[in-house]
């Protein structure tokens, strides 16, 4: 026994499908924009870093690393900080651990840094943390939209039976 007429359900599904597909592509466009913004911030950071290191006292050693990859569910984004030091065996690079949340602890990240580097890292990290948080929210939207599609398919299969 069907409690809701099929026509109403199909209309609702058509409406959801129209909105979910446009929303899904909008999410992917927004993620691409975040990746572009993160790369821009990293590029600007590196340019300013080199300029300040040549003019200022002290050596800097912190660099942002922005990675965008094509994953199964869409593009993924990772923004992290890398420290580069010269040791007895040459240059050593390691990823600075972030911890939980979207932002690095700038005090830990900049321990032992010259003032000019600390200011530069603080500025860049404040932007990176917002981009990480925005990416996280869009990633959740992407997952919710996939789940919505799964539910719609089950409803259609149930109605067709």
Protein backbone atom coordinates (compact mmCIF):
# COMPACT_ATOMS: atom_id res chain seq x y z
CA UNK A 1 0.00 0.00 0.00
CA UNK A 2 1.45 3.34 -1.04
CA UNK A 3 0.79 6.23 1.34
CA UNK A 4 2.18 8.94 -0.94
CA UNK A 5 1.24 9.16 -4.60
CA UNK A 6 4.18 8.30 -6.85
CA UNK A 7 3.83 11.50 -8.87
CA UNK A 8 4.52 13.64 -5.78
CA UNK A 9 7.57 11.58 -4.87
CA UNK A 10 8.96 11.71 -8.40
CA UNK A 11 8.46 15.49 -8.49
CA UNK A 12 10.31 15.81 -5.17
CA UNK A 13 13.10 13.57 -6.46
CA UNK A 14 13.38 15.57 -9.68
CA UNK A 15 13.61 18.76 -7.66
CA UNK A 16 16.25 17.27 -5.33
CA UNK A 17 18.20 15.90 -8.26
CA UNK A 18 18.23 19.27 -10.03
CA UNK A 19 19.46 20.99 -6.89
CA UNK A 20 21.89 18.29 -5.83
CA UNK A 21 23.68 18.19 -9.18
CA UNK A 22 24.09 21.93 -9.32
CA UNK A 23 25.16 21.95 -5.66
CA UNK A 24 27.63 19.15 -6.26
CA UNK A 25 29.29 20.98 -9.12
CA UNK A 26 29.22 24.21 -7.10
CA UNK A 27 31.03 22.39 -4.27
CA UNK A 28 33.70 21.17 -6.69
CA UNK A 29 34.10 24.68 -8.13
CA UNK A 30 34.43 26.08 -4.61
CA UNK A 31 37.06 23.44 -3.72
CA UNK A 32 39.01 24.32 -6.88
CA UNK A 33 38.87 27.96 -5.80
CA UNK A 34 40.21 27.07 -2.36
CA UNK A 35 43.09 25.12 -3.91
CA UNK A 36 43.90 28.07 -6.15
CA UNK A 37 43.77 30.46 -3.17
CA UNK A 38 46.03 28.19 -1.08
CA UNK A 39 48.58 28.01 -3.90
CA UNK A 40 48.45 31.78 -4.25
CA UNK A 41 49.04 32.33 -0.51
CA UNK A 42 51.94 29.84 -0.58
CA UNK A 43 53.48 31.53 -3.63
CA UNK A 44 53.18 34.98 -2.06
CA UNK A 45 54.66 33.64 1.18
CA UNK A 46 57.69 32.20 -0.64
CA UNK A 47 58.30 35.42 -2.58
CA UNK A 48 58.11 37.53 0.57
CA UNK A 49 60.21 34.99 2.52
CA UNK A 50 63.08 35.20 0.03
CA UNK A 51 62.87 38.98 -0.05
CA UNK A 52 62.92 39.30 3.76
CA UNK A 53 65.60 36.66 4.26
CA UNK A 54 67.99 38.53 1.97
CA UNK A 55 67.30 41.86 3.71
CA UNK A 56 66.77 40.77 7.31
CA UNK A 57 68.86 39.27 10.05
CA UNK A 58 68.58 35.57 10.80
CA UNK A 59 67.83 32.59 8.63
CA UNK A 60 64.29 31.38 8.11
CA UNK A 61 63.43 27.73 7.73
CA UNK A 62 59.62 27.30 7.47
CA UNK A 63 57.85 26.76 4.17
CA UNK A 64 54.20 26.02 3.39
CA UNK A 65 53.41 22.97 1.32
CA UNK A 66 50.11 22.87 -0.58
CA UNK A 67 49.08 19.55 -2.10
CA UNK A 68 46.01 19.02 -4.23
CA UNK A 69 45.26 15.55 -5.50
CA UNK A 70 42.54 13.89 -7.50
CA UNK A 71 40.88 11.50 -5.09
CA UNK A 72 38.11 8.96 -5.59
CA UNK A 73 35.49 11.44 -4.36
CA UNK A 74 37.02 14.55 -5.93
CA UNK A 75 39.94 16.84 -5.29
CA UNK A 76 41.64 16.66 -1.92
CA UNK A 77 43.65 19.42 -0.28
CA UNK A 78 46.47 19.32 2.23
CA UNK A 79 48.18 22.46 3.54
CA UNK A 80 51.11 21.84 5.85
CA UNK A 81 54.31 23.47 7.05
CA UNK A 82 57.74 22.05 6.30
CA UNK A 83 60.92 22.96 8.13
CA UNK A 84 64.20 22.84 6.27
CA UNK A 85 67.45 22.64 8.22
CA UNK A 86 71.05 22.03 7.27
CA UNK A 87 72.48 19.15 9.28
CA UNK A 88 75.75 17.22 9.23
CA UNK A 89 74.53 15.12 6.29
CA UNK A 90 73.13 18.04 4.31
CA UNK A 91 69.67 19.57 4.08
CA UNK A 92 66.97 17.89 6.16
CA UNK A 93 63.28 18.60 5.63
CA UNK A 94 60.50 17.48 7.89
CA UNK A 95 56.79 18.17 8.20
CA UNK A 96 55.84 20.10 11.30
CA UNK A 97 52.99 18.29 13.13
CA UNK A 98 49.77 20.32 13.22
CA UNK A 99 47.78 18.62 15.94
CA UNK A 100 43.99 18.69 16.04
CA UNK A 101 41.89 21.45 14.60
CA UNK A 102 42.42 23.50 11.48
CA UNK A 103 45.29 25.73 12.66
CA UNK A 104 48.89 25.21 13.64
CA UNK A 105 50.06 26.48 17.00
CA UNK A 106 52.10 29.43 15.74
CA UNK A 107 54.18 29.58 18.94
CA UNK A 108 55.35 26.00 18.42
CA UNK A 109 55.67 26.43 14.67
CA UNK A 110 57.85 29.54 15.02
CA UNK A 111 59.98 28.54 18.00
CA UNK A 112 63.45 29.93 17.40
CA UNK A 113 62.42 31.89 14.29
CA UNK A 114 63.60 35.41 13.54
CA UNK A 115 60.87 38.06 14.06
CA UNK A 116 60.38 38.69 10.35
CA UNK A 117 59.70 34.99 9.74
CA UNK A 118 57.30 34.73 12.67
CA UNK A 119 55.23 37.65 11.35
CA UNK A 120 55.15 36.13 7.89
CA UNK A 121 54.15 32.68 9.20
CA UNK A 122 51.41 34.19 11.41
CA UNK A 123 49.91 36.02 8.46
CA UNK A 124 50.03 33.04 6.12
CA UNK A 125 48.82 30.54 8.75
CA UNK A 126 45.81 32.69 9.62
CA UNK A 127 44.75 32.41 5.96
CA UNK A 128 45.69 28.73 5.68
CA UNK A 129 43.66 27.81 8.77
CA UNK A 130 40.56 29.47 7.29
CA UNK A 131 41.13 27.69 3.97
CA UNK A 132 41.53 24.34 5.78
CA UNK A 133 38.29 24.93 7.67
CA UNK A 134 36.43 25.96 4.52
CA UNK A 135 37.75 22.92 2.66
CA UNK A 136 36.65 20.71 5.57
CA UNK A 137 33.10 22.10 5.43
CA UNK A 138 32.91 21.70 1.65
CA UNK A 139 34.21 18.15 1.96
CA UNK A 140 31.37 17.39 4.35
CA UNK A 141 28.91 18.91 1.85
CA UNK A 142 30.36 16.67 -0.84
CA UNK A 143 29.82 13.60 1.36
CA UNK A 144 26.28 14.70 2.25
CA UNK A 145 25.41 15.15 -1.42
CA UNK A 146 26.71 11.65 -2.22
CA UNK A 147 24.61 10.23 0.60
CA UNK A 148 21.60 12.15 -0.72
CA UNK A 149 22.11 10.52 -4.14
CA UNK A 150 22.29 7.06 -2.51
CA UNK A 151 19.04 7.67 -0.63
CA UNK A 152 17.30 8.97 -3.77
CA UNK A 153 18.36 5.83 -5.68
CA UNK A 154 16.94 3.59 -2.93
CA UNK A 155 13.65 5.52 -3.00
CA UNK A 156 13.46 5.18 -6.78
CA UNK A 157 14.17 1.43 -6.54
CA UNK A 158 11.50 1.05 -3.86
CA UNK A 159 8.95 2.97 -5.93
CA UNK A 160 9.77 0.94 -9.05
CA UNK A 161 9.19 -2.36 -7.24
